[in-house]
Protein backbone atom coordinates (compact mmCIF):
# COMPACT_ATOMS: atom_id res chain seq x y z
CA MET A 1 0.00 0.00 0.00
CA VAL A 2 1.38 3.40 -0.93
CA PRO A 3 1.09 5.73 2.08
CA GLY A 4 -1.53 8.39 1.59
CA LYS A 5 -2.98 6.86 -1.56
CA LEU A 6 -6.75 6.86 -1.87
CA TYR A 7 -8.36 3.75 -3.32
CA PRO A 8 -11.62 4.83 -4.98
CA PRO A 9 -13.05 1.96 -7.04
CA THR A 10 -12.38 2.97 -10.62
CA GLN A 11 -12.12 -0.22 -12.64
CA ALA A 12 -12.99 -3.87 -12.42
CA VAL A 13 -10.15 -6.21 -11.48
CA SER A 14 -10.06 -9.84 -12.53
CA PHE A 15 -8.62 -12.52 -10.29
CA ASP A 16 -5.74 -12.91 -12.74
CA ASP A 17 -4.78 -9.33 -11.93
CA GLN A 18 -4.40 -10.31 -8.29
CA SER A 19 -1.84 -13.09 -8.57
CA GLY A 20 0.82 -10.95 -6.94
CA VAL A 21 -1.45 -10.31 -3.98
CA GLN A 22 -2.48 -13.91 -3.53
CA SER A 23 1.10 -15.11 -3.16
CA THR A 24 1.63 -13.09 0.04
CA GLN A 25 -1.69 -13.56 1.79
CA GLN A 26 -1.86 -12.97 5.53
CA THR A 27 -4.52 -14.52 7.72
CA VAL A 28 -7.22 -11.98 8.52
CA LYS A 29 -9.21 -12.10 11.75
CA LEU A 30 -12.48 -10.20 11.43
CA VAL A 31 -14.16 -9.19 14.69
CA THR A 32 -17.69 -7.82 14.38
CA GLN A 33 -20.88 -8.03 16.40
CA PHE A 34 -23.09 -8.26 13.30
CA PHE A 35 -22.69 -10.96 10.69
CA ALA A 36 -24.96 -13.10 8.50
CA PRO A 37 -27.62 -14.41 8.97
CA ASP A 38 -28.24 -11.09 10.73
CA TYR A 39 -30.35 -8.79 8.55
CA ALA A 40 -28.32 -5.73 9.54
CA ALA A 41 -26.65 -4.34 6.40
CA THR A 42 -23.29 -4.39 8.17
CA GLY A 43 -23.55 -8.11 8.78
CA GLN A 44 -24.60 -8.94 5.24
CA LEU A 45 -21.83 -6.83 3.70
CA LEU A 46 -19.14 -8.33 5.92
CA ASP A 47 -20.32 -11.83 5.08
CA GLU A 48 -19.93 -11.04 1.37
CA LEU A 49 -16.55 -9.39 1.98
CA VAL A 50 -14.93 -12.28 3.83
CA ARG A 51 -16.26 -14.82 1.34
CA GLN A 52 -14.80 -12.75 -1.46
CA LEU A 53 -11.44 -12.49 0.32
CA ALA A 54 -11.47 -16.25 0.93
CA LYS A 55 -12.25 -16.81 -2.75
CA GLN A 56 -9.24 -14.67 -3.63
CA GLY A 57 -7.04 -16.98 -1.55
CA MET A 58 -6.86 -15.07 1.72
CA PRO A 59 -7.37 -17.17 4.89
CA VAL A 60 -10.09 -15.50 6.98
CA GLU A 61 -11.26 -16.14 10.53
CA VAL A 62 -14.38 -14.47 11.91
CA PHE A 63 -15.40 -13.90 15.52
CA THR A 64 -18.95 -12.62 15.79
CA GLY A 65 -22.10 -12.68 17.88
CA GLN A 66 -25.44 -14.40 17.54
CA PRO A 67 -28.05 -12.80 15.24
CA GLY A 68 -29.91 -9.80 16.57
CA TYR A 69 -32.16 -8.99 13.60
CA ALA A 70 -32.62 -12.32 11.81
CA TYR A 71 -36.16 -13.65 12.01
CA GLY A 72 -36.55 -17.32 12.84
CA GLU A 73 -32.84 -17.70 13.54
CA ALA A 74 -32.30 -16.59 17.12
CA GLU A 75 -29.19 -18.75 17.15
CA ALA A 76 -26.82 -19.53 14.31
CA PRO A 77 -24.27 -22.38 14.26
CA ARG A 78 -21.43 -21.69 16.67
CA ARG A 79 -18.84 -22.86 14.15
CA GLU A 80 -18.80 -22.88 10.35
CA LYS A 81 -15.84 -23.89 8.24
CA THR A 82 -15.34 -23.71 4.50
CA HIS A 83 -12.31 -23.30 2.29
CA ASN A 84 -10.19 -20.43 3.67
CA LEU A 85 -13.02 -19.31 5.98
CA ASP A 86 -13.57 -20.16 9.66
CA ILE A 87 -16.54 -18.52 11.43
CA HIS A 88 -16.76 -18.63 15.23
CA ARG A 89 -19.89 -17.25 16.94
CA SER A 90 -20.15 -16.53 20.64
CA ARG A 91 -22.62 -18.45 22.78
CA MET A 92 -24.46 -15.38 24.01
CA THR A 93 -27.67 -14.40 22.21
CA GLN A 94 -28.73 -10.79 21.73
CA LEU A 95 -30.74 -9.33 24.64
CA TRP A 96 -33.56 -6.84 24.00
CA SER A 97 -32.00 -6.05 20.62
CA ASN A 98 -34.93 -3.81 19.61
CA ARG A 99 -34.33 -1.40 22.50
CA LEU A 100 -31.63 1.26 22.67
CA ARG A 101 -30.39 0.20 26.11
CA GLY A 102 -30.47 -3.43 25.07
CA LYS A 103 -28.35 -2.65 22.01
CA ALA A 104 -25.83 -0.80 24.16
CA LEU A 105 -25.65 -3.69 26.62
CA ASN A 106 -25.28 -6.24 23.82
CA GLY A 107 -22.48 -4.16 22.35
CA LEU A 108 -20.61 -3.93 25.64
CA LEU A 109 -20.96 -7.66 26.32
CA PHE A 110 -19.69 -8.48 22.84
CA VAL A 111 -16.65 -6.23 23.26
CA ILE A 112 -15.75 -8.06 26.49
CA ARG A 113 -16.23 -11.45 24.85
CA ALA A 114 -14.17 -10.42 21.83
CA PHE A 115 -11.31 -9.24 24.02
CA LEU A 116 -11.32 -12.46 26.06
CA HIS A 117 -11.51 -14.53 22.87
CA LEU A 118 -8.45 -12.81 21.41
CA LEU A 119 -6.53 -13.10 24.67
CA ARG A 120 -7.29 -16.82 24.88
CA HIS A 121 -6.31 -17.64 21.33
CA GLY A 122 -3.09 -15.63 21.12
CA TRP A 123 -1.57 -14.10 18.00
CA GLN A 124 1.03 -14.70 15.36
CA LYS A 125 2.88 -12.06 13.37
CA ASP A 126 1.47 -13.21 10.03
CA ARG A 127 -2.05 -12.18 11.05
CA VAL A 128 -3.90 -8.90 10.80
CA LEU A 129 -6.94 -7.96 12.83
CA LEU A 130 -9.92 -6.37 11.05
CA LEU A 131 -12.43 -4.60 13.30
CA THR A 132 -15.57 -2.60 12.65
CA THR A 133 -17.37 0.15 14.54
CA ALA A 134 -20.24 -2.25 15.21
CA PRO A 135 -20.45 -1.69 18.14
CA PRO A 136 -18.79 1.76 18.15
CA PHE A 137 -16.25 0.96 20.88
CA LEU A 138 -15.08 -2.35 19.38
CA PRO A 139 -11.86 -0.88 17.86
CA VAL A 140 -10.55 -0.41 21.41
CA VAL A 141 -10.13 -4.19 21.49
CA GLY A 142 -7.76 -3.98 18.53
CA TYR A 143 -5.78 -1.26 20.27
CA LEU A 144 -5.40 -3.31 23.47
CA ILE A 145 -4.47 -6.51 21.63
CA SER A 146 -1.92 -4.56 19.61
CA LEU A 147 -0.35 -3.22 22.80
CA LEU A 148 -0.13 -6.73 24.25
CA PHE A 149 0.93 -8.73 21.18
CA ASN A 150 2.07 -6.07 18.69
CA THR A 151 -0.69 -7.31 16.38
CA PRO A 152 -1.46 -5.06 13.39
CA TYR A 153 -5.08 -4.03 13.03
CA VAL A 154 -7.29 -2.27 10.49
CA VAL A 155 -10.54 -0.52 11.42
CA ILE A 156 -13.59 -0.12 9.17
CA LEU A 157 -15.37 3.06 10.25
CA TYR A 158 -19.03 2.53 9.37
CA ASP A 159 -20.22 5.31 11.68
CA LEU A 160 -18.31 8.10 13.40
CA TYR A 161 -18.89 8.40 17.13
CA PRO A 162 -19.16 10.50 19.25
CA ASP A 163 -19.81 12.86 16.31
CA ILE A 164 -23.17 11.25 15.51
CA ALA A 165 -24.31 11.48 19.14
CA VAL A 166 -23.27 15.15 19.21
CA GLU A 167 -25.06 15.91 15.93
CA LEU A 168 -28.23 14.23 17.20
CA GLY A 169 -28.11 16.24 20.41
CA VAL A 170 -27.66 13.17 22.60
CA VAL A 171 -24.51 14.60 24.16
CA ASP A 172 -22.85 18.02 24.07
CA TYR A 173 -19.61 18.44 22.12
CA ASN A 174 -17.72 19.46 25.28
CA HIS A 175 -19.31 16.84 27.52
CA PRO A 176 -16.66 14.77 29.36
CA VAL A 177 -17.94 11.58 27.68
CA ALA A 178 -17.52 13.11 24.21
CA LYS A 179 -14.06 14.42 25.07
CA LEU A 180 -12.99 11.03 26.42
CA TRP A 181 -14.36 9.26 23.36
CA ARG A 182 -12.42 11.55 21.00
CA TRP A 183 -9.27 11.01 23.06
CA VAL A 184 -9.71 7.22 22.83
CA ASN A 185 -10.42 7.45 19.09
CA GLN A 186 -7.18 9.30 18.45
CA ARG A 187 -5.14 6.67 20.23
CA VAL A 188 -6.90 3.81 18.46
CA TRP A 189 -6.55 5.50 15.07
CA ARG A 190 -2.89 6.43 15.48
CA ARG A 191 -1.87 2.87 16.29
CA ALA A 192 -3.96 1.30 13.51
CA LYS A 193 -2.28 -0.03 10.38
CA ALA A 194 -5.05 1.63 8.35
CA LEU A 195 -8.52 3.09 8.70
CA ILE A 196 -11.10 2.33 6.04
CA VAL A 197 -13.92 4.85 5.57
CA LEU A 198 -16.85 4.65 3.19
CA SER A 199 -16.77 8.08 1.56
CA PRO A 200 -14.42 11.02 0.89
CA SER A 201 -16.39 13.23 3.29
CA MET A 202 -15.91 10.67 6.08
CA LYS A 203 -12.17 10.79 5.43
CA ASP A 204 -12.21 14.57 5.69
CA ARG A 205 -13.98 14.32 9.05
CA VAL A 206 -11.55 11.74 10.44
CA VAL A 207 -8.48 13.64 9.25
CA GLY A 208 -9.95 16.80 10.75
CA HIS A 209 -9.92 15.09 14.14
CA CYS A 210 -6.49 13.50 13.69
CA PRO A 211 -4.43 15.16 10.89
CA ASP A 212 -1.30 13.07 11.45
CA ILE A 213 -3.01 9.87 10.21
CA ALA A 214 -4.10 11.26 6.82
CA ASP A 215 -1.76 8.90 4.95
CA ARG A 216 -3.42 5.84 6.54
CA VAL A 217 -7.07 6.70 5.95
CA GLU A 218 -8.38 4.86 2.89
CA VAL A 219 -11.69 5.39 1.09
CA ILE A 220 -13.40 2.18 -0.05
CA HIS A 221 -17.09 2.30 -0.92
CA SER A 222 -19.63 -0.35 -0.06
CA TRP A 223 -20.88 -2.64 -2.83
CA ALA A 224 -23.59 -4.98 -4.08
CA ASP A 225 -23.39 -8.37 -5.75
CA PRO A 226 -24.55 -8.07 -9.39
CA ASP A 227 -24.92 -11.84 -9.56
CA LEU A 228 -27.37 -11.80 -6.65
CA ILE A 229 -29.39 -8.70 -7.54
CA LYS A 230 -30.25 -8.41 -11.22
CA PRO A 231 -32.72 -6.20 -13.09
CA MET A 232 -36.08 -7.94 -13.37
CA GLU A 233 -39.44 -7.01 -14.88
CA LYS A 234 -42.07 -6.61 -12.20
CA LYS A 235 -44.47 -8.87 -14.07
CA ASP A 236 -41.92 -11.68 -13.65
CA ASN A 237 -41.31 -10.89 -9.97
CA TRP A 238 -43.22 -12.97 -7.41
CA PHE A 239 -42.64 -10.34 -4.70
CA ALA A 240 -44.23 -7.61 -6.84
CA ARG A 241 -47.16 -9.88 -7.67
CA LYS A 242 -47.66 -10.88 -4.03
CA HIS A 243 -47.90 -7.27 -2.85
CA GLY A 244 -49.86 -5.90 -5.80
CA LEU A 245 -47.05 -3.75 -7.20
CA VAL A 246 -46.91 -4.95 -10.81
CA ASP A 247 -49.16 -2.27 -12.29
CA THR A 248 -48.41 0.46 -9.73
CA PHE A 249 -45.51 2.90 -9.96
CA THR A 250 -43.51 1.93 -6.88
CA VAL A 251 -41.08 4.03 -4.85
CA LEU A 252 -38.89 1.85 -2.62
CA TYR A 253 -37.13 2.71 0.62
CA SER A 254 -35.30 -0.42 1.73
CA GLY A 255 -33.19 -0.46 4.88
CA ASN A 256 -32.79 1.37 8.15
CA MET A 257 -35.17 4.25 8.89
CA GLY A 258 -32.92 5.57 11.62
CA ARG A 259 -32.05 8.83 13.29
CA CYS A 260 -29.48 9.65 10.60
CA HIS A 261 -31.96 9.34 7.73
CA ASP A 262 -34.28 12.01 6.35
CA ILE A 263 -37.72 10.41 6.43
CA ALA A 264 -39.64 13.69 6.78
CA THR A 265 -38.88 14.84 3.22
CA ILE A 266 -40.13 11.50 1.86
CA PHE A 267 -43.34 11.75 3.86
CA GLU A 268 -44.01 15.33 2.75
CA ALA A 269 -43.48 14.34 -0.90
CA ALA A 270 -45.93 11.46 -0.44
CA LYS A 271 -48.54 13.89 0.86
CA LEU A 272 -48.24 15.87 -2.36
CA LEU A 273 -48.67 12.68 -4.39
CA ARG A 274 -51.65 11.29 -2.46
CA ASN A 275 -53.90 11.42 -5.54
CA GLU A 276 -51.33 9.95 -7.93
CA PRO A 277 -51.08 6.21 -8.76
CA ILE A 278 -47.79 6.00 -6.86
CA LYS A 279 -47.04 3.62 -3.97
CA PHE A 280 -44.31 4.07 -1.35
CA VAL A 281 -42.93 0.75 -0.11
CA CYS A 282 -40.86 0.92 3.09
CA ILE A 283 -38.94 -2.24 3.95
CA GLY A 284 -36.92 -2.43 7.17
CA SER A 285 -37.00 -0.91 10.63
CA GLY A 286 -35.38 1.85 12.63
CA ALA A 287 -36.05 4.61 15.13
CA LYS A 288 -38.20 6.65 12.71
CA ARG A 289 -40.31 3.80 11.35
CA GLU A 290 -43.10 3.88 13.94
CA LYS A 291 -43.36 7.67 13.73
CA LEU A 292 -43.72 7.41 9.95
CA ILE A 293 -46.47 4.80 10.31
CA GLU A 294 -48.31 7.06 12.75
CA ASP A 295 -47.99 10.06 10.42
CA VAL A 296 -49.24 8.01 7.47
CA LYS A 297 -52.34 6.98 9.44
CA ALA A 298 -52.94 10.53 10.68
CA GLU A 299 -52.87 11.83 7.10
CA GLY A 300 -55.04 9.03 5.75
CA LEU A 301 -52.29 7.80 3.42
CA GLU A 302 -52.61 4.09 4.18
CA GLU A 303 -53.38 3.33 0.53
CA ASN A 304 -50.23 5.17 -0.55
CA PHE A 305 -47.84 3.23 1.69
CA LEU A 306 -46.84 -0.37 2.28
CA PHE A 307 -44.69 -1.25 5.30
CA LEU A 308 -42.79 -4.54 5.39
CA PRO A 309 -40.12 -5.98 7.70
CA TYR A 310 -36.55 -6.75 6.70
CA GLN A 311 -36.47 -9.47 4.07
CA ASP A 312 -34.38 -12.62 4.08
CA LYS A 313 -31.29 -12.34 1.90
CA LYS A 314 -32.65 -14.95 -0.52
CA ASP A 315 -35.63 -12.64 -1.14
CA LEU A 316 -33.62 -9.45 -1.71
CA PRO A 317 -33.29 -10.02 -5.48
CA TYR A 318 -37.08 -9.79 -5.62
CA SER A 319 -37.89 -7.16 -2.99
CA MET A 320 -35.27 -4.77 -4.39
CA THR A 321 -36.50 -5.15 -7.98
CA ALA A 322 -40.20 -4.78 -7.13
CA CYS A 323 -39.84 -1.01 -7.57
CA ASP A 324 -39.57 1.65 -10.27
CA VAL A 325 -37.33 4.02 -8.32
CA SER A 326 -35.24 3.69 -5.14
CA LEU A 327 -34.89 6.23 -2.34
CA VAL A 328 -31.70 6.99 -0.41
CA SER A 329 -31.64 9.66 2.30
CA VAL A 330 -29.25 11.27 4.76
CA SER A 331 -30.28 13.87 7.33
CA GLU A 332 -28.82 17.35 7.42
CA GLY A 333 -25.40 17.31 9.10
CA MET A 334 -24.97 13.53 8.79
CA GLU A 335 -23.42 13.10 5.35
CA SER A 336 -19.83 12.97 6.66
CA LEU A 337 -20.79 10.67 9.54
CA VAL A 338 -22.64 7.83 7.79
CA ALA A 339 -22.65 6.34 4.29
CA PRO A 340 -25.91 4.62 3.27
CA SER A 341 -25.12 1.12 2.02
CA LYS A 342 -28.58 0.95 0.39
CA LEU A 343 -27.21 3.03 -2.51
CA TYR A 344 -25.32 0.10 -4.02
CA PRO A 345 -28.09 -2.52 -4.28
CA ALA A 346 -30.23 0.34 -5.60
CA LEU A 347 -27.72 0.73 -8.43
CA ALA A 348 -27.75 -3.03 -9.00
CA VAL A 349 -31.49 -3.27 -9.67
CA GLY A 350 -31.20 -1.00 -12.70
CA ARG A 351 -33.75 1.60 -11.58
CA PRO A 352 -33.36 5.38 -11.10
CA ILE A 353 -32.31 6.65 -7.68
CA ALA A 354 -33.68 9.65 -5.79
CA VAL A 355 -31.21 10.84 -3.15
CA ILE A 356 -32.08 13.25 -0.34
CA CYS A 357 -28.92 14.77 1.12
CA PRO A 358 -27.26 18.07 2.09
CA GLU A 359 -25.82 20.29 -0.62
CA GLY A 360 -22.32 19.27 -1.71
CA ALA A 361 -22.58 15.76 -0.27
CA TYR A 362 -20.56 12.99 -1.92
CA LEU A 363 -23.87 11.27 -2.75
CA GLU A 364 -24.87 14.29 -4.81
CA LYS A 365 -21.61 14.21 -6.75
CA LEU A 366 -21.79 10.46 -7.33
CA VAL A 367 -25.37 10.51 -8.63
CA LYS A 368 -24.86 13.54 -10.85
CA GLU A 369 -21.60 12.38 -12.41
CA GLY A 370 -23.34 9.66 -14.37
CA ASP A 371 -26.98 10.73 -14.40
CA TYR A 372 -28.10 7.91 -12.11
CA GLY A 373 -31.22 9.76 -10.97
CA SER A 374 -31.56 13.03 -9.11
CA THR A 375 -30.64 14.58 -5.77
CA PHE A 376 -32.65 16.84 -3.49
CA ARG A 377 -31.79 19.01 -0.52
CA ASN A 378 -33.29 18.09 2.81
CA GLY A 379 -36.79 19.55 2.85
CA GLU A 380 -37.17 19.79 -0.94
CA HIS A 381 -40.27 17.63 -0.93
CA GLN A 382 -41.93 19.49 -3.80
CA SER A 383 -38.97 18.85 -6.12
CA LEU A 384 -38.86 15.21 -5.04
CA ALA A 385 -42.57 14.80 -5.72
CA ASN A 386 -42.18 16.39 -9.16
CA PHE A 387 -39.31 14.02 -10.02
CA LEU A 388 -41.25 10.93 -8.95
CA LYS A 389 -44.30 12.06 -10.90
CA LEU A 390 -42.17 12.66 -14.00
CA LEU A 391 -40.64 9.18 -13.81
CA SER A 392 -44.08 7.62 -13.36
CA VAL A 393 -45.20 8.93 -16.76
CA ASP A 394 -41.91 8.73 -18.67
CA ARG A 395 -40.95 5.06 -18.72
CA ARG A 396 -38.32 5.62 -21.41
CA MET A 397 -36.42 7.96 -19.10
CA THR A 398 -36.79 5.47 -16.26
CA GLN A 399 -35.26 2.70 -18.37
CA LYS A 400 -32.39 4.86 -19.61
CA ILE A 401 -31.39 6.01 -16.13
CA GLY A 402 -31.76 2.49 -14.76
CA PHE A 403 -29.42 1.09 -17.41
CA GLN A 404 -26.76 3.64 -16.42
CA CYS A 405 -27.15 2.71 -12.75
CA ARG A 406 -26.53 -0.96 -13.48
CA GLN A 407 -23.44 -0.14 -15.56
CA LYS A 408 -22.00 1.94 -12.72
CA LEU A 409 -22.45 -0.89 -10.25
CA GLU A 410 -20.86 -3.49 -12.53
CA ARG A 411 -17.91 -1.23 -13.23
CA ASP A 412 -17.06 0.13 -9.79
CA PHE A 413 -18.92 -1.49 -6.90
CA THR A 414 -18.78 -5.29 -7.19
CA PRO A 415 -17.43 -7.69 -4.53
CA GLN A 416 -14.48 -8.47 -6.83
CA VAL A 417 -13.44 -4.82 -7.13
CA ILE A 418 -13.91 -4.05 -3.45
CA GLY A 419 -12.32 -7.32 -2.31
CA TYR A 420 -9.20 -6.49 -4.28
CA LEU A 421 -8.97 -3.06 -2.65
CA TYR A 422 -9.33 -4.59 0.82
CA SER A 423 -6.72 -7.25 0.10
CA ARG A 424 -4.18 -4.61 -0.93
CA ILE A 425 -4.56 -2.89 2.42
CA LEU A 426 -4.69 -6.03 4.55
CA ASN A 427 -1.65 -7.57 2.84
CA SER A 428 0.41 -4.39 3.00
CA ARG A 429 3.50 -4.64 5.20
CA ALA A 430 3.57 -0.87 5.69
């Protein structure tokens, strides 16, 4: 890895191009609370990542928890082994995973278990530790293990805390907890072999906190599997038929409806479209979901909305393609703190994308660079409604934009491309 080099996905890389990397593979130990069969996007993405790395010849070990979101699978097998991949799940199941305090407790318990697991199993110099910010304080484990065993570690920053908590008003910027958290972050980041962030704006935020690590902060986007999610006509889609979406122009929001997402602009646009033959389908959960359901009922928009739970991964190729346009949203002030992973499967389905985000956000630049849909400022519900109405009557435009979306995904955001970028960082001796 060249110090300071940014690795934006720019071209597809075949496995033949990676022969030099495969010959020097280190064993990677991924530690994350969320992992498949968990429905959390983090868990699904990490499952795809490690399987891709294993396919590329890199030995991967995973230490993770039991599912917290997966329906019908309260417990997953404690041990799974395949070629180059060894998955080890803790015994402890998730407690009260739908409550904020329960999530915090689960996160703390997993951090303790992860630390004890790594202490018990020891470390060799040919291994590298890969940790996520799920839960947010998990990277501290990598820092402590590195102090004890001189083990190199890489951190994937999915969310930036305490910045998110400060932005949401949960804690004041100068609160002792926030100050302590920033102090801990700086020590964890400085000792890390590399930090992986999901967007250029996230890199800017991290470097702003800790300028001396700029040469070790790498930008690697999320991805979607084009072999799993493929464009499909709604008339051929059992999911669309089941929910009566075949002949209705469908606007899909699939994923977390959390505190960092702008749901209000979507709702206000739906109010303007109440008399149009347009259906909003919201799949997933999150802190803002129940409030949205209440608002929909209060406005008498039940016929305009369909709410569904998270779907099993095997059903994603059908739930994602049962739409005519996909929605992605980020709340004001959050665009450098989170990076919506739902963007990439939205590209894969070959449908236009409507993005709600602050002005100048990386999402705005990405969507506009290739005409993959349109972007709207937070609160621009009238413009969003106009765009959705235009797409509903101009199917030729919808098809053209959708084709460009699919091309972008296949070129820049596949597991093969992203896996290669990860392997370059993980195998680096720098």
